[in-house]
């Protein structure tokens, strides 16, 4: 099943995850997994921060999506680096508190 077969062109036509769950009969995580696989296999499925999915209608929509994904990736790396840097000290200080 291709989730992209349900999607419409343009951000203004974005479909919610709830709608896609209903249309596919799948749980949200499974729909998201299928979308990720479709993206990795060459389908340019875009999404909005509010959770709507759509096919690109313009270069601007594509660039907005790409910029958003890159920004999110940077934030995730910052958090991972911070935890990696501080976890040993925290564990040492809190070892006896448990």
C-alpha atoms as a PDB file:
ATOM      1  CA  UNK A   1       0.000   0.000   0.000  1.00  0.00           C
ATOM      2  CA  UNK A   2       1.274   3.455  -0.908  1.00  0.00           C
ATOM      3  CA  UNK A   3       0.170   6.230   1.395  1.00  0.00           C
ATOM      4  CA  UNK A   4       1.153   8.641  -1.372  1.00  0.00           C
ATOM      5  CA  UNK A   5      -1.755   7.344  -3.458  1.00  0.00           C
ATOM      6  CA  UNK A   6      -4.104   9.150  -1.021  1.00  0.00           C
ATOM      7  CA  UNK A   7      -2.180  12.421  -1.011  1.00  0.00           C
ATOM      8  CA  UNK A   8      -3.075  15.541  -2.933  1.00  0.00           C
ATOM      9  CA  UNK A   9      -0.801  18.203  -4.410  1.00  0.00           C
ATOM     10  CA  UNK A  10      -0.101  21.386  -2.460  1.00  0.00           C
ATOM     11  CA  UNK A  11       0.104  22.353   1.205  1.00  0.00           C
ATOM     12  CA  UNK A  12      -3.431  23.708   1.093  1.00  0.00           C
ATOM     13  CA  UNK A  13      -4.602  20.138   0.392  1.00  0.00           C
ATOM     14  CA  UNK A  14      -2.590  18.455   3.177  1.00  0.00           C
ATOM     15  CA  UNK A  15      -4.240  15.434   4.777  1.00  0.00           C
ATOM     16  CA  UNK A  16      -4.043  14.798   8.515  1.00  0.00           C
ATOM     17  CA  UNK A  17      -2.563  11.677  10.042  1.00  0.00           C
ATOM     18  CA  UNK A  18      -6.027  10.958  11.443  1.00  0.00           C
ATOM     19  CA  UNK A  19      -7.512  10.963   7.957  1.00  0.00           C
ATOM     20  CA  UNK A  20      -4.701   8.739   6.637  1.00  0.00           C
ATOM     21  CA  UNK A  21      -5.194   6.313   9.535  1.00  0.00           C
ATOM     22  CA  UNK A  22      -8.865   6.092   8.655  1.00  0.00           C
ATOM     23  CA  UNK A  23      -8.204   5.619   4.935  1.00  0.00           C
ATOM     24  CA  UNK A  24      -5.516   2.950   5.416  1.00  0.00           C
ATOM     25  CA  UNK A  25      -6.886   1.189   8.483  1.00  0.00           C
ATOM     26  CA  UNK A  26      -3.431   1.454  10.072  1.00  0.00           C
ATOM     27  CA  UNK A  27      -2.127   2.939  13.306  1.00  0.00           C
ATOM     28  CA  UNK A  28      -0.414   6.333  13.139  1.00  0.00           C
ATOM     29  CA  UNK A  29       3.089   4.947  13.660  1.00  0.00           C
ATOM     30  CA  UNK A  30       2.608   2.489  10.798  1.00  0.00           C
ATOM     31  CA  UNK A  31       1.378   5.244   8.475  1.00  0.00           C
ATOM     32  CA  UNK A  32       4.437   7.325   9.420  1.00  0.00           C
ATOM     33  CA  UNK A  33       6.725   4.328   8.798  1.00  0.00           C
ATOM     34  CA  UNK A  34       5.209   3.812   5.344  1.00  0.00           C
ATOM     35  CA  UNK A  35       5.621   7.520   4.553  1.00  0.00           C
ATOM     36  CA  UNK A  36       9.282   7.377   5.613  1.00  0.00           C
ATOM     37  CA  UNK A  37       9.843   4.352   3.376  1.00  0.00           C
ATOM     38  CA  UNK A  38       8.143   6.037   0.435  1.00  0.00           C
ATOM     39  CA  UNK A  39      10.309   9.127   0.943  1.00  0.00           C
ATOM     40  CA  UNK A  40      13.459   7.009   1.010  1.00  0.00           C
ATOM     41  CA  UNK A  41      12.324   5.281  -2.180  1.00  0.00           C
ATOM     42  CA  UNK A  42      11.970   8.479  -4.150  1.00  0.00           C
ATOM     43  CA  UNK A  43       8.526   9.910  -3.443  1.00  0.00           C
ATOM     44  CA  UNK A  44       8.750  13.547  -2.276  1.00  0.00           C
ATOM     45  CA  UNK A  45       6.062  13.422   0.406  1.00  0.00           C
ATOM     46  CA  UNK A  46       6.025  16.710   2.311  1.00  0.00           C
ATOM     47  CA  UNK A  47       4.468  17.508   5.658  1.00  0.00           C
ATOM     48  CA  UNK A  48       3.527  20.466   7.786  1.00  0.00           C
ATOM     49  CA  UNK A  49       4.486  20.940  11.449  1.00  0.00           C
ATOM     50  CA  UNK A  50       0.795  20.435  12.266  1.00  0.00           C
ATOM     51  CA  UNK A  51       0.960  16.927  10.795  1.00  0.00           C
ATOM     52  CA  UNK A  52      -0.583  17.303   7.361  1.00  0.00           C
ATOM     53  CA  UNK A  53       0.900  15.311   4.466  1.00  0.00           C
ATOM     54  CA  UNK A  54       0.900  16.288   0.795  1.00  0.00           C
ATOM     55  CA  UNK A  55       2.775  16.050  -2.490  1.00  0.00           C
ATOM     56  CA  UNK A  56       4.748  19.131  -3.559  1.00  0.00           C
ATOM     57  CA  UNK A  57       2.998  21.814  -5.507  1.00  0.00           C
ATOM     58  CA  UNK A  58       5.918  24.241  -5.731  1.00  0.00           C
ATOM     59  CA  UNK A  59       9.644  24.609  -5.176  1.00  0.00           C
ATOM     60  CA  UNK A  60       8.852  26.878  -2.221  1.00  0.00           C
ATOM     61  CA  UNK A  61       6.938  24.049  -0.496  1.00  0.00           C
ATOM     62  CA  UNK A  62       9.860  21.684  -1.058  1.00  0.00           C
ATOM     63  CA  UNK A  63      12.419  24.156   0.301  1.00  0.00           C
ATOM     64  CA  UNK A  64      10.270  24.979   3.308  1.00  0.00           C
ATOM     65  CA  UNK A  65       9.988  21.270   4.132  1.00  0.00           C
ATOM     66  CA  UNK A  66      13.709  20.593   3.603  1.00  0.00           C
ATOM     67  CA  UNK A  67      14.697  23.562   5.765  1.00  0.00           C
ATOM     68  CA  UNK A  68      12.337  22.422   8.522  1.00  0.00           C
ATOM     69  CA  UNK A  69      13.713  18.873   8.476  1.00  0.00           C
ATOM     70  CA  UNK A  70      17.308  20.108   8.597  1.00  0.00           C
ATOM     71  CA  UNK A  71      16.487  22.419  11.503  1.00  0.00           C
ATOM     72  CA  UNK A  72      14.847  19.539  13.421  1.00  0.00           C
ATOM     73  CA  UNK A  73      17.843  17.304  12.715  1.00  0.00           C
ATOM     74  CA  UNK A  74      20.174  19.953  14.137  1.00  0.00           C
ATOM     75  CA  UNK A  75      18.097  20.245  17.312  1.00  0.00           C
ATOM     76  CA  UNK A  76      18.144  16.453  17.775  1.00  0.00           C
ATOM     77  CA  UNK A  77      21.931  16.378  17.421  1.00  0.00           C
ATOM     78  CA  UNK A  78      22.294  19.199  19.985  1.00  0.00           C
ATOM     79  CA  UNK A  79      20.196  17.282  22.527  1.00  0.00           C
ATOM     80  CA  UNK A  80      22.091  14.027  21.909  1.00  0.00           C
ATOM     81  CA  UNK A  81      25.425  15.826  22.341  1.00  0.00           C
ATOM     82  CA  UNK A  82      24.266  17.453  25.590  1.00  0.00           C
ATOM     83  CA  UNK A  83      23.122  14.140  27.096  1.00  0.00           C
ATOM     84  CA  UNK A  84      26.293  12.394  25.989  1.00  0.00           C
ATOM     85  CA  UNK A  85      28.395  15.139  27.563  1.00  0.00           C
ATOM     86  CA  UNK A  86      26.606  15.295  30.942  1.00  0.00           C
ATOM     87  CA  UNK A  87      25.253  11.822  31.682  1.00  0.00           C
ATOM     88  CA  UNK A  88      28.295  10.395  33.493  1.00  0.00           C
ATOM     89  CA  UNK A  89      28.484  13.268  35.974  1.00  0.00           C
ATOM     90  CA  UNK A  90      24.739  13.086  36.630  1.00  0.00           C
ATOM     91  CA  UNK A  91      24.853   9.311  37.136  1.00  0.00           C
ATOM     92  CA  UNK A  92      27.759   9.628  39.555  1.00  0.00           C
ATOM     93  CA  UNK A  93      26.028  12.359  41.573  1.00  0.00           C
ATOM     94  CA  UNK A  94      22.735  10.444  41.722  1.00  0.00           C
ATOM     95  CA  UNK A  95      23.969   6.888  42.122  1.00  0.00           C
ATOM     96  CA  UNK A  96      23.075   6.747  45.824  1.00  0.00           C
ATOM     97  CA  UNK A  97      19.787   8.607  45.468  1.00  0.00           C
ATOM     98  CA  UNK A  98      18.085   5.574  43.965  1.00  0.00           C
END
